[in-house]
Amino acid sequence: MSAEYDFIEYLIRIQTNSHRFGGPILIIFGTISCILSLLIFTKNNLRKNPCSIYFMAYNTVCLIMIYTIILPYTLSIGYNIDTVLLNINICRFRLYNILLSDVLGPSYLILASIDRILITSRNARTRHRSTVRSAYLSIFLIALFWLLITSHTLIFARIIPIGPSLNIYYFQSGDYYIFISYYAVIFKGFLCPLSMIIFGLWSIKNVRSLVRIHPNSLGETHGTIQNNACSVKHSKDRQLFRILIYDIFIYLTFNLMLSIVLIYQQIVQPSSENIIDNQLRTFYIILGTFSCYIPSCIGFYSNLFISKMFRNSAKQVFLCKDIFCLQQRH
């Protein structure tokens, strides 16, 4: 029995230290990453591209998530400071924001993938559907959709006593808890990753098919394909495409652990009351959740490595060249 309690204490120490030391690092580097990414994607040469607009929306969600989810989790798990339990309305809002951010951020990456599919299509009419107006409209509609779909959390979240002077805030037990469990598995563990993989591979297939086209093709197809090839070969579109593919890869990699844990938990439906098993499940969920935060905090740094255009834009931001040019014009 002593060995079991030592093992439990060891697991708790790992999850506490991961948030105590890793949490502040993610918050600091994540804030810098999101702000600099927003400054770059809002530059004049990028903000008129639909894909850049989706990246702006994605980084905005990441920045909000850092201070509404990662910061409270860091204080709660890493430093045992939890102000949420003082107010049921704050409790409900936090759970609502967790569900919303879990689907809203990846939804914008999926929309960006669909935009790349449109812009790499051989059909001119399909390519023309990739517009700035459609990007803003899609961002608004998908945000409205998820705001409504996840609003049930504002009603059914509860503060649950689990011991003397010890409470947790979580979803209401019973049928609603079962619904939330399957909701998390279906959307977080299955649909979001699957959609990213499908649309990402589809856009890669479109790009590769354009590369194989012979430059001396004749007829009407030649005109359409030539225009399409020019669009894809444009440096800006190529660089944005690379950024998107790597962002999807990073998201899938760091979300894999939690997706596996959620799916496994629903398939096995563990009924054991063994304290070790319960603590292990909690440990994997907390560690998997922490891993899910990482893609939201490293986008800027990964983009620096994979995109020359992004590096050049970052240099201009650091050197304040845009401000200097604006002053020269005046």
Protein backbone atom coordinates (compact mmCIF):
# COMPACT_ATOMS: atom_id res chain seq x y z
CA MET A 1 0.00 0.00 0.00
CA SER A 2 2.88 2.33 0.81
CA ALA A 3 4.36 1.71 -2.65
CA GLU A 4 1.03 2.61 -4.27
CA TYR A 5 0.81 5.90 -2.41
CA ASP A 6 4.42 6.69 -3.29
CA PHE A 7 3.61 6.09 -6.96
CA ILE A 8 0.51 8.32 -6.75
CA GLU A 9 2.55 11.03 -5.08
CA TYR A 10 5.15 10.71 -7.85
CA LEU A 11 2.48 11.18 -10.55
CA ILE A 12 1.01 14.19 -8.77
CA ARG A 13 4.49 15.70 -8.47
CA ILE A 14 5.04 15.31 -12.23
CA GLN A 15 1.76 16.96 -13.20
CA THR A 16 2.29 19.74 -10.63
CA ASN A 17 5.83 20.53 -11.76
CA SER A 18 4.89 20.37 -15.44
CA HIS A 19 2.41 23.19 -14.85
CA ARG A 20 4.50 25.05 -12.25
CA PHE A 21 7.55 25.34 -14.52
CA GLY A 22 6.18 24.58 -17.98
CA GLY A 23 3.04 26.71 -17.63
CA PRO A 24 4.80 30.09 -17.24
CA ILE A 25 7.16 29.21 -20.10
CA LEU A 26 4.20 28.47 -22.40
CA ILE A 27 2.43 31.67 -21.33
CA ILE A 28 5.47 33.91 -21.96
CA PHE A 29 6.60 32.32 -25.22
CA GLY A 30 3.00 31.81 -26.37
CA THR A 31 2.11 35.47 -25.85
CA ILE A 32 5.16 36.58 -27.82
CA SER A 33 4.38 34.02 -30.53
CA CYS A 34 0.74 35.06 -30.99
CA ILE A 35 1.41 38.82 -30.93
CA LEU A 36 4.30 38.62 -33.41
CA SER A 37 2.32 36.28 -35.67
CA LEU A 38 -0.60 38.71 -35.67
CA LEU A 39 1.75 41.60 -36.51
CA ILE A 40 3.16 39.63 -39.44
CA PHE A 41 -0.13 38.33 -40.85
CA THR A 42 -1.69 41.83 -40.65
CA LYS A 43 1.07 43.35 -42.79
CA ASN A 44 -0.08 44.94 -46.05
CA ASN A 45 1.45 42.24 -48.24
CA LEU A 46 -0.29 39.41 -46.36
CA ARG A 47 -3.59 40.57 -44.90
CA LYS A 48 -5.31 40.58 -48.30
CA ASN A 49 -4.69 36.85 -48.66
CA PRO A 50 -7.60 34.68 -47.37
CA CYS A 51 -5.21 32.14 -45.84
CA SER A 52 -3.52 34.89 -43.80
CA ILE A 53 -6.91 35.96 -42.49
CA TYR A 54 -7.53 32.44 -41.19
CA PHE A 55 -4.11 32.50 -39.52
CA MET A 56 -5.02 35.82 -37.91
CA ALA A 57 -8.20 34.28 -36.51
CA TYR A 58 -6.32 31.18 -35.33
CA ASN A 59 -3.65 33.20 -33.50
CA THR A 60 -6.31 35.41 -31.93
CA VAL A 61 -8.01 32.31 -30.50
CA CYS A 62 -4.63 31.02 -29.27
CA LEU A 63 -3.89 34.31 -27.50
CA ILE A 64 -7.28 34.30 -25.80
CA MET A 65 -6.78 30.66 -24.80
CA ILE A 66 -3.43 31.42 -23.16
CA TYR A 67 -5.00 33.80 -20.65
CA THR A 68 -8.40 32.17 -20.17
CA ILE A 69 -7.32 28.51 -20.07
CA ILE A 70 -3.56 27.99 -19.75
CA LEU A 71 -3.05 30.69 -17.10
CA PRO A 72 -5.88 29.46 -14.80
CA TYR A 73 -4.75 25.84 -15.24
CA THR A 74 -1.17 26.83 -14.38
CA LEU A 75 -2.30 28.60 -11.22
CA SER A 76 -4.64 25.78 -10.24
CA ILE A 77 -2.48 22.71 -10.87
CA GLY A 78 0.98 24.23 -10.53
CA TYR A 79 0.45 26.62 -7.63
CA ASN A 80 -2.80 25.40 -6.04
CA ILE A 81 -4.45 28.78 -6.64
CA ASP A 82 -7.98 28.43 -7.99
CA THR A 83 -10.20 31.51 -7.90
CA VAL A 84 -12.77 29.91 -10.21
CA LEU A 85 -14.37 27.93 -7.38
CA LEU A 86 -15.38 31.18 -5.70
CA ASN A 87 -18.05 31.86 -8.30
CA ILE A 88 -20.29 29.42 -10.21
CA ASN A 89 -20.62 31.84 -13.15
CA ILE A 90 -16.84 32.03 -13.59
CA CYS A 91 -16.76 28.23 -13.34
CA ARG A 92 -19.31 27.89 -16.13
CA PHE A 93 -17.59 30.46 -18.33
CA ARG A 94 -14.24 28.69 -17.99
CA LEU A 95 -15.65 25.30 -18.97
CA TYR A 96 -17.53 26.99 -21.82
CA ASN A 97 -14.32 28.62 -23.02
CA ILE A 98 -12.44 25.31 -22.82
CA LEU A 99 -14.97 23.56 -25.06
CA LEU A 100 -15.14 26.54 -27.42
CA SER A 101 -11.37 26.92 -27.82
CA ASP A 102 -10.95 23.17 -28.34
CA VAL A 103 -12.96 23.34 -31.55
CA LEU A 104 -12.67 26.96 -32.70
CA GLY A 105 -8.89 27.03 -33.18
CA PRO A 106 -8.66 23.82 -35.22
CA SER A 107 -11.78 24.87 -37.16
CA TYR A 108 -9.85 27.85 -38.51
CA LEU A 109 -6.99 25.58 -39.57
CA ILE A 110 -9.56 23.40 -41.36
CA LEU A 111 -11.00 26.49 -43.10
CA ALA A 112 -7.47 27.48 -44.15
CA SER A 113 -7.02 23.97 -45.60
CA ILE A 114 -10.25 24.31 -47.56
CA ASP A 115 -9.04 27.68 -48.85
CA ARG A 116 -5.80 26.07 -50.09
CA ILE A 117 -7.88 23.39 -51.84
CA LEU A 118 -9.87 26.10 -53.61
CA ILE A 119 -6.82 28.11 -54.66
CA THR A 120 -5.06 25.00 -56.04
CA SER A 121 -8.06 23.79 -58.03
CA ARG A 122 -7.81 23.43 -61.82
CA ASN A 123 -11.20 25.06 -62.18
CA ALA A 124 -11.05 28.87 -62.47
CA ARG A 125 -14.49 29.34 -60.89
CA THR A 126 -13.46 27.26 -57.90
CA ARG A 127 -10.29 29.31 -57.45
CA HIS A 128 -12.28 32.53 -57.51
CA ARG A 129 -14.25 31.35 -54.47
CA SER A 130 -11.14 31.93 -52.38
CA THR A 131 -11.73 35.58 -51.48
CA VAL A 132 -11.11 37.88 -48.52
CA ARG A 133 -14.87 38.42 -48.15
CA SER A 134 -15.58 34.67 -47.97
CA ALA A 135 -12.78 34.27 -45.41
CA TYR A 136 -14.24 36.89 -43.06
CA LEU A 137 -17.73 35.46 -43.54
CA SER A 138 -16.54 31.90 -42.84
CA ILE A 139 -14.72 33.02 -39.69
CA PHE A 140 -17.83 34.78 -38.41
CA LEU A 141 -20.19 31.90 -39.21
CA ILE A 142 -17.98 29.18 -37.72
CA ALA A 143 -17.51 31.27 -34.57
CA LEU A 144 -21.26 31.81 -34.27
CA PHE A 145 -21.90 28.11 -34.87
CA TRP A 146 -19.56 26.95 -32.09
CA LEU A 147 -20.68 29.71 -29.72
CA LEU A 148 -24.20 28.31 -29.95
CA ILE A 149 -23.26 24.61 -30.00
CA THR A 150 -21.16 24.84 -26.81
CA SER A 151 -23.52 27.18 -24.94
CA HIS A 152 -25.07 24.27 -23.01
CA THR A 153 -22.02 24.42 -20.70
CA LEU A 154 -23.25 27.74 -19.32
CA ILE A 155 -26.24 25.90 -17.85
CA PHE A 156 -25.01 22.45 -16.81
CA ALA A 157 -21.61 23.14 -15.21
CA ARG A 158 -21.50 22.50 -11.46
CA ILE A 159 -19.20 22.92 -8.45
CA ILE A 160 -18.92 19.40 -7.02
CA PRO A 161 -17.78 18.71 -3.43
CA ILE A 162 -15.38 15.75 -3.28
CA GLY A 163 -14.23 16.03 0.31
CA PRO A 164 -14.05 18.28 3.37
CA SER A 165 -13.33 21.82 2.16
CA LEU A 166 -12.43 20.36 -1.25
CA ASN A 167 -14.45 21.14 -4.38
CA ILE A 168 -14.00 20.80 -8.11
CA TYR A 169 -15.90 22.39 -10.97
CA TYR A 170 -17.02 20.02 -13.67
CA PHE A 171 -19.92 18.96 -15.84
CA GLN A 172 -23.16 17.82 -14.30
CA SER A 173 -23.19 14.06 -13.68
CA GLY A 174 -25.61 11.64 -15.31
CA ASP A 175 -26.74 11.72 -18.93
CA TYR A 176 -25.15 15.12 -19.52
CA TYR A 177 -21.73 13.83 -18.43
CA ILE A 178 -22.09 10.91 -20.86
CA PHE A 179 -23.04 13.37 -23.61
CA ILE A 180 -19.97 15.53 -22.90
CA SER A 181 -17.71 12.45 -22.90
CA TYR A 182 -18.88 11.38 -26.35
CA TYR A 183 -18.85 14.99 -27.55
CA ALA A 184 -15.16 15.30 -26.60
CA VAL A 185 -14.29 12.00 -28.29
CA ILE A 186 -16.21 12.73 -31.50
CA PHE A 187 -15.08 16.32 -32.07
CA LYS A 188 -11.72 16.56 -30.28
CA GLY A 189 -10.52 13.00 -30.71
CA PHE A 190 -11.92 12.12 -34.12
CA LEU A 191 -13.56 14.73 -36.37
CA CYS A 192 -11.05 17.59 -36.00
CA PRO A 193 -7.93 15.46 -36.63
CA LEU A 194 -9.63 13.51 -39.43
CA SER A 195 -10.80 16.71 -41.17
CA MET A 196 -7.31 18.22 -40.96
CA ILE A 197 -5.74 15.08 -42.41
CA ILE A 198 -8.27 14.81 -45.26
CA PHE A 199 -8.18 18.47 -46.31
CA GLY A 200 -4.41 18.71 -45.81
CA LEU A 201 -3.74 15.67 -48.02
CA TRP A 202 -6.28 16.94 -50.55
CA SER A 203 -4.49 20.28 -50.89
CA ILE A 204 -1.11 18.50 -51.17
CA LYS A 205 -2.56 16.31 -53.93
CA ASN A 206 -3.79 19.41 -55.79
CA VAL A 207 -0.37 21.05 -55.62
CA ARG A 208 1.43 17.92 -56.81
CA SER A 209 -0.97 17.47 -59.70
CA LEU A 210 -0.21 21.02 -60.84
CA VAL A 211 3.53 20.42 -60.68
CA ARG A 212 3.18 17.40 -63.01
CA ILE A 213 1.39 19.46 -65.70
CA HIS A 214 3.50 19.91 -68.83
CA PRO A 215 4.15 23.61 -69.49
CA ASN A 216 3.40 23.27 -73.21
CA SER A 217 -0.16 21.93 -72.77
CA LEU A 218 -2.49 23.25 -75.49
CA GLY A 219 -6.09 24.38 -75.75
CA GLU A 220 -8.43 25.89 -73.24
CA THR A 221 -7.13 23.59 -70.53
CA HIS A 222 -3.74 25.17 -71.04
CA GLY A 223 -5.07 28.64 -70.19
CA THR A 224 -6.87 27.49 -67.08
CA ILE A 225 -4.02 25.34 -65.81
CA GLN A 226 -1.42 28.00 -66.60
CA ASN A 227 -3.28 30.57 -64.53
CA ASN A 228 -3.70 28.03 -61.76
CA ALA A 229 -0.03 27.11 -61.84
CA CYS A 230 0.94 30.77 -61.63
CA SER A 231 -1.31 31.15 -58.61
CA VAL A 232 0.21 28.18 -56.81
CA LYS A 233 3.77 29.02 -57.77
CA HIS A 234 3.38 32.50 -56.40
CA SER A 235 5.88 32.70 -53.56
CA LYS A 236 3.37 34.00 -51.04
CA ASP A 237 0.86 31.21 -51.65
CA ARG A 238 3.57 28.55 -51.55
CA GLN A 239 4.89 29.84 -48.25
CA LEU A 240 1.44 30.08 -46.69
CA PHE A 241 0.73 26.55 -47.86
CA ARG A 242 3.89 25.28 -46.14
CA ILE A 243 3.02 27.12 -42.94
CA LEU A 244 -0.45 25.58 -42.94
CA ILE A 245 0.78 22.01 -43.49
CA TYR A 246 3.32 22.29 -40.68
CA ASP A 247 0.76 23.90 -38.34
CA ILE A 248 -1.58 20.98 -38.97
CA PHE A 249 1.24 18.47 -38.40
CA ILE A 250 2.22 20.16 -35.11
CA TYR A 251 -1.41 20.29 -33.95
CA LEU A 252 -1.98 16.61 -34.71
CA THR A 253 1.29 15.55 -33.05
CA PHE A 254 0.68 17.32 -29.74
CA ASN A 255 -3.03 16.43 -29.61
CA LEU A 256 -2.43 12.74 -30.34
CA MET A 257 -1.97 11.73 -26.71
CA LEU A 258 -5.23 13.25 -25.46
CA SER A 259 -7.16 11.91 -28.46
CA ILE A 260 -5.93 8.37 -27.73
CA VAL A 261 -6.75 8.70 -24.02
CA LEU A 262 -10.28 9.97 -24.70
CA ILE A 263 -11.04 7.28 -27.28
CA TYR A 264 -9.56 4.53 -25.09
CA GLN A 265 -11.57 5.70 -22.10
CA GLN A 266 -14.84 5.51 -24.03
CA ILE A 267 -14.06 2.13 -25.60
CA VAL A 268 -12.93 0.44 -22.40
CA GLN A 269 -15.37 2.26 -20.07
CA PRO A 270 -13.30 1.48 -16.96
CA SER A 271 -15.38 0.63 -13.90
CA SER A 272 -12.51 -0.18 -11.55
CA GLU A 273 -12.38 1.80 -8.36
CA ASN A 274 -8.67 1.07 -7.98
CA ILE A 275 -7.05 4.29 -6.83
CA ILE A 276 -3.97 3.67 -8.98
CA ASP A 277 -6.05 3.24 -12.15
CA ASN A 278 -8.06 6.37 -11.41
CA GLN A 279 -4.92 8.40 -10.75
CA LEU A 280 -3.27 7.11 -13.92
CA ARG A 281 -6.28 8.14 -16.01
CA THR A 282 -6.26 11.57 -14.41
CA PHE A 283 -2.51 11.85 -14.97
CA TYR A 284 -2.76 10.99 -18.67
CA ILE A 285 -5.64 13.41 -19.21
CA ILE A 286 -3.84 16.29 -17.45
CA LEU A 287 -0.57 15.58 -19.27
CA GLY A 288 -2.41 15.19 -22.60
CA THR A 289 -4.25 18.46 -22.01
CA PHE A 290 -0.96 20.21 -21.24
CA SER A 291 0.46 18.81 -24.48
CA CYS A 292 -2.52 20.27 -26.38
CA TYR A 293 -1.52 23.77 -25.24
CA ILE A 294 1.87 23.61 -26.96
CA PRO A 295 0.77 24.17 -30.62
CA SER A 296 -0.96 27.41 -29.59
CA CYS A 297 2.31 28.74 -28.16
CA ILE A 298 4.96 27.82 -30.75
CA GLY A 299 3.43 28.84 -34.08
CA PHE A 300 5.70 31.85 -34.59
CA TYR A 301 8.89 29.89 -33.88
CA SER A 302 8.01 26.96 -36.13
CA ASN A 303 7.05 29.35 -38.95
CA LEU A 304 10.47 31.01 -38.70
CA PHE A 305 12.15 27.69 -39.51
CA ILE A 306 9.95 26.65 -42.42
CA SER A 307 9.13 29.87 -44.27
CA LYS A 308 11.56 32.36 -45.78
CA MET A 309 8.71 34.82 -46.36
CA PHE A 310 7.78 34.64 -42.68
CA ARG A 311 11.41 35.22 -41.64
CA ASN A 312 11.68 38.29 -43.87
CA SER A 313 8.39 39.65 -42.53
CA ALA A 314 9.60 39.03 -38.97
CA LYS A 315 12.79 40.99 -39.70
CA GLN A 316 10.72 43.91 -40.95
CA VAL A 317 8.62 43.80 -37.79
CA PHE A 318 11.70 43.69 -35.54
CA LEU A 319 13.36 46.53 -37.46
CA CYS A 320 10.08 48.53 -37.59
CA LYS A 321 10.57 48.99 -41.34
CA ASP A 322 6.85 49.50 -41.95
CA ILE A 323 6.75 52.41 -39.52
CA PHE A 324 9.90 53.89 -41.06
CA CYS A 325 8.47 53.66 -44.59
CA LEU A 326 5.22 55.26 -43.43
CA GLN A 327 7.12 58.19 -41.91
CA GLN A 328 9.11 58.65 -45.14
CA ARG A 329 5.88 58.86 -47.16
CA HIS A 330 4.59 61.63 -44.92
